[in-house]
Amino acid sequence: AANYSVAWRSLESRYENKKLLVKSHLDALFA
């Protein structure tokens, strides 16, 4: 139970990157 927030924060730190998220969708749009 204590590690639930640890796991979720780990995912957020890896994937919650607005610059890369926007870039990925822009790249997909052009592609």
Full PDB file with SEQRES, HELIX, SHEET, SSBOND, CRYST1, ORIGX, SCALE, CONECT and MASTER records, all heavy atoms in Angstrom:
SEQRES   1 A   31  ALA ALA ASN TYR SER VAL ALA TRP ARG SER LEU GLU SER          
SEQRES   2 A   31  ARG TYR GLU ASN LYS LYS LEU LEU VAL LYS SER HIS LEU          
SEQRES   3 A   31  ASP ALA LEU PHE ALA                                          
HELIX    1 AA1 TYR A    4  TYR A   15  1                                  12    
HELIX    2 AA2 LYS A   18  PHE A   30  1                                  13    
CRYST1    1.000    1.000    1.000  90.00  90.00  90.00 P 1           1          
ORIGX1      1.000000  0.000000  0.000000        0.00000                         
ORIGX2      0.000000  1.000000  0.000000        0.00000                         
ORIGX3      0.000000  0.000000  1.000000        0.00000                         
SCALE1      1.000000  0.000000  0.000000        0.00000                         
SCALE2      0.000000  1.000000  0.000000        0.00000                         
SCALE3      0.000000  0.000000  1.000000        0.00000                         
ATOM      1  N   ALA A   1       0.833  -1.206   0.000  1.00  0.00           N  
ATOM      2  CA  ALA A   1       0.000   0.000   0.000  1.00  0.00           C  
ATOM      3  C   ALA A   1       0.868   1.256   0.000  1.00  0.00           C  
ATOM      4  O   ALA A   1       0.577   2.231  -0.695  1.00  0.00           O  
ATOM      5  CB  ALA A   1      -0.923  -0.008   1.222  1.00  0.00           C  
ATOM      6  N   ALA A   2       1.959   1.216   0.780  1.00  0.00           N  
ATOM      7  CA  ALA A   2       2.839   2.386   0.873  1.00  0.00           C  
ATOM      8  C   ALA A   2       3.530   2.691  -0.443  1.00  0.00           C  
ATOM      9  O   ALA A   2       3.846   3.856  -0.746  1.00  0.00           O  
ATOM     10  CB  ALA A   2       3.878   2.167   1.974  1.00  0.00           C  
ATOM     11  N   ASN A   3       3.762   1.664  -1.261  1.00  0.00           N  
ATOM     12  CA  ASN A   3       4.496   1.850  -2.515  1.00  0.00           C  
ATOM     13  C   ASN A   3       3.610   2.243  -3.693  1.00  0.00           C  
ATOM     14  O   ASN A   3       4.120   2.497  -4.786  1.00  0.00           O  
ATOM     15  CB  ASN A   3       5.260   0.574  -2.875  1.00  0.00           C  
ATOM     16  CG  ASN A   3       6.539   0.441  -2.087  1.00  0.00           C  
ATOM     17  OD1 ASN A   3       7.004   1.408  -1.481  1.00  0.00           O  
ATOM     18  ND2 ASN A   3       7.112  -0.743  -2.080  1.00  0.00           N  
ATOM     19  N   TYR A   4       2.295   2.284  -3.483  1.00  0.00           N  
ATOM     20  CA  TYR A   4       1.406   2.672  -4.582  1.00  0.00           C  
ATOM     21  C   TYR A   4       1.771   4.059  -5.116  1.00  0.00           C  
ATOM     22  O   TYR A   4       1.937   4.247  -6.324  1.00  0.00           O  
ATOM     23  CB  TYR A   4      -0.058   2.649  -4.126  1.00  0.00           C  
ATOM     24  CG  TYR A   4      -0.936   3.600  -4.895  1.00  0.00           C  
ATOM     25  CD1 TYR A   4      -1.210   3.385  -6.240  1.00  0.00           C  
ATOM     26  CD2 TYR A   4      -1.458   4.749  -4.286  1.00  0.00           C  
ATOM     27  CE1 TYR A   4      -1.986   4.269  -6.967  1.00  0.00           C  
ATOM     28  CE2 TYR A   4      -2.233   5.635  -4.999  1.00  0.00           C  
ATOM     29  CZ  TYR A   4      -2.502   5.402  -6.331  1.00  0.00           C  
ATOM     30  OH  TYR A   4      -3.261   6.285  -7.044  1.00  0.00           O  
ATOM     31  N   SER A   5       1.902   5.026  -4.204  1.00  0.00           N  
ATOM     32  CA  SER A   5       2.225   6.388  -4.633  1.00  0.00           C  
ATOM     33  C   SER A   5       3.623   6.462  -5.235  1.00  0.00           C  
ATOM     34  O   SER A   5       3.884   7.259  -6.143  1.00  0.00           O  
ATOM     35  CB  SER A   5       2.106   7.368  -3.460  1.00  0.00           C  
ATOM     36  OG  SER A   5       2.957   6.987  -2.396  1.00  0.00           O  
ATOM     37  N   VAL A   6       4.527   5.602  -4.759  1.00  0.00           N  
ATOM     38  CA  VAL A   6       5.889   5.551  -5.313  1.00  0.00           C  
ATOM     39  C   VAL A   6       5.836   5.108  -6.775  1.00  0.00           C  
ATOM     40  O   VAL A   6       6.482   5.701  -7.652  1.00  0.00           O  
ATOM     41  CB  VAL A   6       6.775   4.590  -4.502  1.00  0.00           C  
ATOM     42  CG1 VAL A   6       8.152   4.454  -5.151  1.00  0.00           C  
ATOM     43  CG2 VAL A   6       6.915   5.075  -3.063  1.00  0.00           C  
ATOM     44  N   ALA A   7       5.050   4.067  -7.047  1.00  0.00           N  
ATOM     45  CA  ALA A   7       4.933   3.535  -8.410  1.00  0.00           C  
ATOM     46  C   ALA A   7       4.289   4.563  -9.342  1.00  0.00           C  
ATOM     47  O   ALA A   7       4.743   4.774 -10.472  1.00  0.00           O  
ATOM     48  CB  ALA A   7       4.115   2.249  -8.393  1.00  0.00           C  
ATOM     49  N   TRP A   8       3.221   5.215  -8.859  1.00  0.00           N  
ATOM     50  CA  TRP A   8       2.527   6.186  -9.710  1.00  0.00           C  
ATOM     51  C   TRP A   8       3.424   7.386 -10.002  1.00  0.00           C  
ATOM     52  O   TRP A   8       3.470   7.877 -11.127  1.00  0.00           O  
ATOM     53  CB  TRP A   8       1.231   6.613  -9.056  1.00  0.00           C  
ATOM     54  CG  TRP A   8       0.373   7.473  -9.933  1.00  0.00           C  
ATOM     55  CD1 TRP A   8       0.015   8.765  -9.720  1.00  0.00           C  
ATOM     56  CD2 TRP A   8      -0.218   7.113 -11.191  1.00  0.00           C  
ATOM     57  NE1 TRP A   8      -0.766   9.230 -10.761  1.00  0.00           N  
ATOM     58  CE2 TRP A   8      -0.923   8.244 -11.679  1.00  0.00           C  
ATOM     59  CE3 TRP A   8      -0.213   5.942 -11.960  1.00  0.00           C  
ATOM     60  CZ2 TRP A   8      -1.612   8.235 -12.886  1.00  0.00           C  
ATOM     61  CZ3 TRP A   8      -0.903   5.939 -13.161  1.00  0.00           C  
ATOM     62  CH2 TRP A   8      -1.594   7.065 -13.615  1.00  0.00           C  
ATOM     63  N   ARG A   9       4.158   7.853  -8.992  1.00  0.00           N  
ATOM     64  CA  ARG A   9       5.083   8.971  -9.207  1.00  0.00           C  
ATOM     65  C   ARG A   9       6.201   8.586 -10.161  1.00  0.00           C  
ATOM     66  O   ARG A   9       6.683   9.405 -10.948  1.00  0.00           O  
ATOM     67  CB  ARG A   9       5.675   9.449  -7.875  1.00  0.00           C  
ATOM     68  CG  ARG A   9       4.711  10.289  -7.037  1.00  0.00           C  
ATOM     69  CD  ARG A   9       5.467  11.088  -5.977  1.00  0.00           C  
ATOM     70  NE  ARG A   9       6.217  10.228  -5.085  1.00  0.00           N  
ATOM     71  CZ  ARG A   9       5.751   9.724  -3.953  1.00  0.00           C  
ATOM     72  NH1 ARG A   9       4.505   9.997  -3.577  1.00  0.00           N  
ATOM     73  NH2 ARG A   9       6.496   8.963  -3.196  1.00  0.00           N  
ATOM     74  N   SER A  10       6.620   7.326 -10.112  1.00  0.00           N  
ATOM     75  CA  SER A  10       7.656   6.847 -11.022  1.00  0.00           C  
ATOM     76  C   SER A  10       7.177   6.919 -12.470  1.00  0.00           C  
ATOM     77  O   SER A  10       7.930   7.324 -13.370  1.00  0.00           O  
ATOM     78  CB  SER A  10       8.046   5.404 -10.671  1.00  0.00           C  
ATOM     79  OG  SER A  10       8.985   4.891 -11.591  1.00  0.00           O  
ATOM     80  N   LEU A  11       5.928   6.540 -12.696  1.00  0.00           N  
ATOM     81  CA  LEU A  11       5.365   6.623 -14.045  1.00  0.00           C  
ATOM     82  C   LEU A  11       5.217   8.081 -14.481  1.00  0.00           C  
ATOM     83  O   LEU A  11       5.541   8.432 -15.620  1.00  0.00           O  
ATOM     84  CB  LEU A  11       4.005   5.929 -14.091  1.00  0.00           C  
ATOM     85  CG  LEU A  11       4.010   4.403 -13.941  1.00  0.00           C  
ATOM     86  CD1 LEU A  11       2.587   3.878 -13.821  1.00  0.00           C  
ATOM     87  CD2 LEU A  11       4.727   3.738 -15.110  1.00  0.00           C  
ATOM     88  N   GLU A  12       4.751   8.924 -13.573  1.00  0.00           N  
ATOM     89  CA  GLU A  12       4.581  10.338 -13.909  1.00  0.00           C  
ATOM     90  C   GLU A  12       5.923  11.000 -14.228  1.00  0.00           C  
ATOM     91  O   GLU A  12       6.019  11.798 -15.166  1.00  0.00           O  
ATOM     92  CB  GLU A  12       3.901  11.070 -12.747  1.00  0.00           C  
ATOM     93  CG  GLU A  12       2.419  10.747 -12.623  1.00  0.00           C  
ATOM     94  CD  GLU A  12       1.754  11.555 -11.529  1.00  0.00           C  
ATOM     95  OE1 GLU A  12       2.382  11.739 -10.456  1.00  0.00           O  
ATOM     96  OE2 GLU A  12       0.612  12.007 -11.734  1.00  0.00           O  
ATOM     97  N   SER A  13       6.955  10.663 -13.457  1.00  0.00           N  
ATOM     98  CA  SER A  13       8.262  11.278 -13.703  1.00  0.00           C  
ATOM     99  C   SER A  13       8.840  10.856 -15.045  1.00  0.00           C  
ATOM    100  O   SER A  13       9.599  11.593 -15.675  1.00  0.00           O  
ATOM    101  CB  SER A  13       9.235  10.909 -12.574  1.00  0.00           C  
ATOM    102  OG  SER A  13       9.526   9.526 -12.593  1.00  0.00           O  
ATOM    103  N   ARG A  14       8.443   9.645 -15.498  1.00  0.00           N  
ATOM    104  CA  ARG A  14       8.959   9.138 -16.775  1.00  0.00           C  
ATOM    105  C   ARG A  14       8.166   9.650 -17.966  1.00  0.00           C  
ATOM    106  O   ARG A  14       8.735   9.991 -19.010  1.00  0.00           O  
ATOM    107  CB  ARG A  14       8.924   7.606 -16.760  1.00  0.00           C  
ATOM    108  CG  ARG A  14       9.266   6.937 -18.095  1.00  0.00           C  
ATOM    109  CD  ARG A  14      10.713   7.151 -18.483  1.00  0.00           C  
ATOM    110  NE  ARG A  14      11.027   6.489 -19.730  1.00  0.00           N  
ATOM    111  CZ  ARG A  14      10.794   7.013 -20.934  1.00  0.00           C  
ATOM    112  NH1 ARG A  14      10.243   8.211 -21.043  1.00  0.00           N  
ATOM    113  NH2 ARG A  14      11.113   6.341 -22.029  1.00  0.00           N  
ATOM    114  N   TYR A  15       6.850   9.742 -17.832  1.00  0.00           N  
ATOM    115  CA  TYR A  15       6.006  10.028 -19.001  1.00  0.00           C  
ATOM    116  C   TYR A  15       5.294  11.382 -18.958  1.00  0.00           C  
ATOM    117  O   TYR A  15       4.813  11.838 -19.992  1.00  0.00           O  
ATOM    118  CB  TYR A  15       4.964   8.912 -19.167  1.00  0.00           C  
ATOM    119  CG  TYR A  15       5.597   7.562 -19.363  1.00  0.00           C  
ATOM    120  CD1 TYR A  15       5.567   6.602 -18.345  1.00  0.00           C  
ATOM    121  CD2 TYR A  15       6.253   7.248 -20.545  1.00  0.00           C  
ATOM    122  CE1 TYR A  15       6.169   5.363 -18.513  1.00  0.00           C  
ATOM    123  CE2 TYR A  15       6.858   6.011 -20.718  1.00  0.00           C  
ATOM    124  CZ  TYR A  15       6.818   5.070 -19.697  1.00  0.00           C  
ATOM    125  OH  TYR A  15       7.420   3.858 -19.868  1.00  0.00           O  
ATOM    126  N   GLU A  16       5.206  12.014 -17.793  1.00  0.00           N  
ATOM    127  CA  GLU A  16       4.515  13.305 -17.696  1.00  0.00           C  
ATOM    128  C   GLU A  16       5.485  14.419 -18.080  1.00  0.00           C  
ATOM    129  O   GLU A  16       5.916  15.225 -17.248  1.00  0.00           O  
ATOM    130  CB  GLU A  16       3.977  13.510 -16.272  1.00  0.00           C  
ATOM    131  CG  GLU A  16       2.982  14.654 -16.127  1.00  0.00           C  
ATOM    132  CD  GLU A  16       1.652  14.381 -16.820  1.00  0.00           C  
ATOM    133  OE1 GLU A  16       1.248  13.219 -16.927  1.00  0.00           O  
ATOM    134  OE2 GLU A  16       1.029  15.359 -17.251  1.00  0.00           O  
ATOM    135  N   ASN A  17       5.828  14.456 -19.356  1.00  0.00           N  
ATOM    136  CA  ASN A  17       6.785  15.428 -19.890  1.00  0.00           C  
ATOM    137  C   ASN A  17       6.090  16.161 -21.039  1.00  0.00           C  
ATOM    138  O   ASN A  17       6.015  15.653 -22.159  1.00  0.00           O  
ATOM    139  CB  ASN A  17       8.044  14.718 -20.384  1.00  0.00           C  
ATOM    140  CG  ASN A  17       9.127  15.676 -20.846  1.00  0.00           C  
ATOM    141  OD1 ASN A  17       8.843  16.706 -21.459  1.00  0.00           O  
ATOM    142  ND2 ASN A  17      10.367  15.327 -20.560  1.00  0.00           N  
ATOM    143  N   LYS A  18       5.575  17.359 -20.751  1.00  0.00           N  
ATOM    144  CA  LYS A  18       4.742  18.056 -21.739  1.00  0.00           C  
ATOM    145  C   LYS A  18       5.493  18.315 -23.040  1.00  0.00           C  
ATOM    146  O   LYS A  18       4.931  18.164 -24.128  1.00  0.00           O  
ATOM    147  CB  LYS A  18       4.222  19.374 -21.161  1.00  0.00           C  
ATOM    148  CG  LYS A  18       3.285  20.099 -22.122  1.00  0.00           C  
ATOM    149  CD  LYS A  18       2.709  21.363 -21.524  1.00  0.00           C  
ATOM    150  CE  LYS A  18       1.818  22.069 -22.537  1.00  0.00           C  
ATOM    151  NZ  LYS A  18       1.233  23.306 -22.005  1.00  0.00           N  
ATOM    152  N   LYS A  19       6.749  18.694 -22.938  1.00  0.00           N  
ATOM    153  CA  LYS A  19       7.515  18.982 -24.148  1.00  0.00           C  
ATOM    154  C   LYS A  19       7.574  17.764 -25.060  1.00  0.00           C  
ATOM    155  O   LYS A  19       7.329  17.864 -26.266  1.00  0.00           O  
ATOM    156  CB  LYS A  19       8.934  19.435 -23.781  1.00  0.00           C  
ATOM    157  CG  LYS A  19       9.804  19.752 -25.000  1.00  0.00           C  
ATOM    158  CD  LYS A  19      11.141  20.339 -24.579  1.00  0.00           C  
ATOM    159  CE  LYS A  19      12.034  19.276 -23.947  1.00  0.00           C  
ATOM    160  NZ  LYS A  19      13.393  19.810 -23.685  1.00  0.00           N  
ATOM    161  N   LEU A  20       7.864  16.604 -24.483  1.00  0.00           N  
ATOM    162  CA  LEU A  20       7.962  15.389 -25.285  1.00  0.00           C  
ATOM    163  C   LEU A  20       6.588  14.908 -25.742  1.00  0.00           C  
ATOM    164  O   LEU A  20       6.445  14.365 -26.856  1.00  0.00           O  
ATOM    165  CB  LEU A  20       8.668  14.284 -24.488  1.00  0.00           C  
ATOM    166  CG  LEU A  20      10.148  14.524 -24.178  1.00  0.00           C  
ATOM    167  CD1 LEU A  20      10.717  13.352 -23.392  1.00  0.00           C  
ATOM    168  CD2 LEU A  20      10.944  14.725 -25.472  1.00  0.00           C  
ATOM    169  N   LEU A  21       5.579  15.094 -24.902  1.00  0.00           N  
ATOM    170  CA  LEU A  21       4.226  14.689 -25.281  1.00  0.00           C  
ATOM    171  C   LEU A  21       3.731  15.499 -26.478  1.00  0.00           C  
ATOM    172  O   LEU A  21       3.184  14.946 -27.440  1.00  0.00           O  
ATOM    173  CB  LEU A  21       3.277  14.873 -24.094  1.00  0.00           C  
ATOM    174  CG  LEU A  21       3.442  13.893 -22.931  1.00  0.00           C  
ATOM    175  CD1 LEU A  21       2.622  14.346 -21.735  1.00  0.00           C  
ATOM    176  CD2 LEU A  21       3.031  12.485 -23.347  1.00  0.00           C  
ATOM    177  N   VAL A  22       3.926  16.805 -26.419  1.00  0.00           N  
ATOM    178  CA  VAL A  22       3.510  17.669 -27.530  1.00  0.00           C  
ATOM    179  C   VAL A  22       4.293  17.313 -28.792  1.00  0.00           C  
ATOM    180  O   VAL A  22       3.727  17.206 -29.886  1.00  0.00           O  
ATOM    181  CB  VAL A  22       3.713  19.155 -27.168  1.00  0.00           C  
ATOM    182  CG1 VAL A  22       3.540  20.040 -28.403  1.00  0.00           C  
ATOM    183  CG2 VAL A  22       2.727  19.574 -26.086  1.00  0.00           C  
ATOM    184  N   LYS A  23       5.588  17.106 -28.636  1.00  0.00           N  
ATOM    185  CA  LYS A  23       6.426  16.749 -29.788  1.00  0.00           C  
ATOM    186  C   LYS A  23       5.961  15.453 -30.437  1.00  0.00           C  
ATOM    187  O   LYS A  23       5.913  15.340 -31.674  1.00  0.00           O  
ATOM    188  CB  LYS A  23       7.888  16.621 -29.364  1.00  0.00           C  
ATOM    189  CG  LYS A  23       8.839  16.275 -30.512  1.00  0.00           C  
ATOM    190  CD  LYS A  23      10.263  16.154 -30.015  1.00  0.00           C  
ATOM    191  CE  LYS A  23      11.226  15.889 -31.170  1.00  0.00           C  
ATOM    192  NZ  LYS A  23      10.907  14.657 -31.923  1.00  0.00           N  
ATOM    193  N   SER A  24       5.620  14.455 -29.621  1.00  0.00           N  
ATOM    194  CA  SER A  24       5.209  13.162 -30.178  1.00  0.00           C  
ATOM    195  C   SER A  24       3.935  13.290 -31.008  1.00  0.00           C  
ATOM    196  O   SER A  24       3.796  12.668 -32.066  1.00  0.00           O  
ATOM    197  CB  SER A  24       5.015  12.137 -29.053  1.00  0.00           C  
ATOM    198  OG  SER A  24       3.904  12.460 -28.243  1.00  0.00           O  
ATOM    199  N   HIS A  25       2.994  14.123 -30.543  1.00  0.00           N  
ATOM    200  CA  HIS A  25       1.739  14.287 -31.299  1.00  0.00           C  
ATOM    201  C   HIS A  25       1.937  15.171 -32.531  1.00  0.00           C  
ATOM    202  O   HIS A  25       1.294  14.950 -33.564  1.00  0.00           O  
ATOM    203  CB  HIS A  25       0.652  14.849 -30.393  1.00  0.00           C  
ATOM    204  CG  HIS A  25       0.111  13.844 -29.419  1.00  0.00           C  
ATOM    205  ND1 HIS A  25      -0.722  12.817 -29.796  1.00  0.00           N  
ATOM    206  CD2 HIS A  25       0.315  13.687 -28.083  1.00  0.00           C  
ATOM    207  CE1 HIS A  25      -1.024  12.079 -28.749  1.00  0.00           C  
ATOM    208  NE2 HIS A  25      -0.407  12.584 -27.700  1.00  0.00           N  
ATOM    209  N   LEU A  26       2.818  16.145 -32.445  1.00  0.00           N  
ATOM    210  CA  LEU A  26       3.122  16.949 -33.627  1.00  0.00           C  
ATOM    211  C   LEU A  26       3.826  16.101 -34.682  1.00  0.00           C  
ATOM    212  O   LEU A  26       3.507  16.176 -35.876  1.00  0.00           O  
ATOM    213  CB  LEU A  26       4.006  18.145 -33.241  1.00  0.00           C  
ATOM    214  CG  LEU A  26       3.317  19.291 -32.503  1.00  0.00           C  
ATOM    215  CD1 LEU A  26       4.346  20.324 -32.066  1.00  0.00           C  
ATOM    216  CD2 LEU A  26       2.254  19.945 -33.387  1.00  0.00           C  
ATOM    217  N   ASP A  27       4.786  15.298 -34.243  1.00  0.00           N  
ATOM    218  CA  ASP A  27       5.481  14.404 -35.177  1.00  0.00           C  
ATOM    219  C   ASP A  27       4.489  13.465 -35.856  1.00  0.00           C  
ATOM    220  O   ASP A  27       4.565  13.223 -37.069  1.00  0.00           O  
ATOM    221  CB  ASP A  27       6.545  13.586 -34.436  1.00  0.00           C  
ATOM    222  CG  ASP A  27       7.748  14.422 -34.026  1.00  0.00           C  
ATOM    223  OD1 ASP A  27       7.912  15.524 -34.574  1.00  0.00           O  
ATOM    224  OD2 ASP A  27       8.524  13.964 -33.159  1.00  0.00           O  
ATOM    225  N   ALA A  28       3.562  12.925 -35.057  1.00  0.00           N  
ATOM    226  CA  ALA A  28       2.571  11.995 -35.609  1.00  0.00           C  
ATOM    227  C   ALA A  28       1.651  12.695 -36.595  1.00  0.00           C  
ATOM    228  O   ALA A  28       1.240  12.111 -37.602  1.00  0.00           O  
ATOM    229  CB  ALA A  28       1.751  11.390 -34.470  1.00  0.00           C  
ATOM    230  N   LEU A  29       1.343  13.961 -36.321  1.00  0.00           N  
ATOM    231  CA  LEU A  29       0.475  14.733 -37.210  1.00  0.00           C  
ATOM    232  C   LEU A  29       1.125  14.916 -38.583  1.00  0.00           C  
ATOM    233  O   LEU A  29       0.491  14.712 -39.625  1.00  0.00           O  
ATOM    234  CB  LEU A  29       0.189  16.096 -36.574  1.00  0.00           C  
ATOM    235  CG  LEU A  29      -1.003  16.904 -37.096  1.00  0.00           C  
ATOM    236  CD1 LEU A  29      -2.302  16.147 -36.875  1.00  0.00           C  
ATOM    237  CD2 LEU A  29      -1.057  18.255 -36.396  1.00  0.00           C  
ATOM    238  N   PHE A  30       2.404  15.286 -38.582  1.00  0.00           N  
ATOM    239  CA  PHE A  30       3.117  15.470 -39.841  1.00  0.00           C  
ATOM    240  C   PHE A  30       3.364  14.136 -40.555  1.00  0.00           C  
ATOM    241  O   PHE A  30       3.516  14.098 -41.781  1.00  0.00           O  
ATOM    242  CB  PHE A  30       4.456  16.173 -39.590  1.00  0.00           C  
ATOM    243  CG  PHE A  30       4.342  17.662 -39.419  1.00  0.00           C  
ATOM    244  CD1 PHE A  30       4.257  18.229 -38.160  1.00  0.00           C  
ATOM    245  CD2 PHE A  30       4.301  18.507 -40.523  1.00  0.00           C  
ATOM    246  CE1 PHE A  30       4.145  19.606 -37.995  1.00  0.00           C  
ATOM    247  CE2 PHE A  30       4.189  19.878 -40.383  1.00  0.00           C  
ATOM    248  CZ  PHE A  30       4.102  20.430 -39.114  1.00  0.00           C  
ATOM    249  N   ALA A  31       3.423  13.055 -39.766  1.00  0.00           N  
ATOM    250  CA  ALA A  31       3.762  11.747 -40.340  1.00  0.00           C  
ATOM    251  C   ALA A  31       2.552  10.964 -40.842  1.00  0.00           C  
ATOM    252  O   ALA A  31       2.709   9.834 -41.315  1.00  0.00           O  
ATOM    253  CB  ALA A  31       4.515  10.918 -39.303  1.00  0.00           C  
TER     254      ALA A  31                                                      
MASTER        0    0    0    2    0    0    0    6  253    1    0    3          
END                                                                             
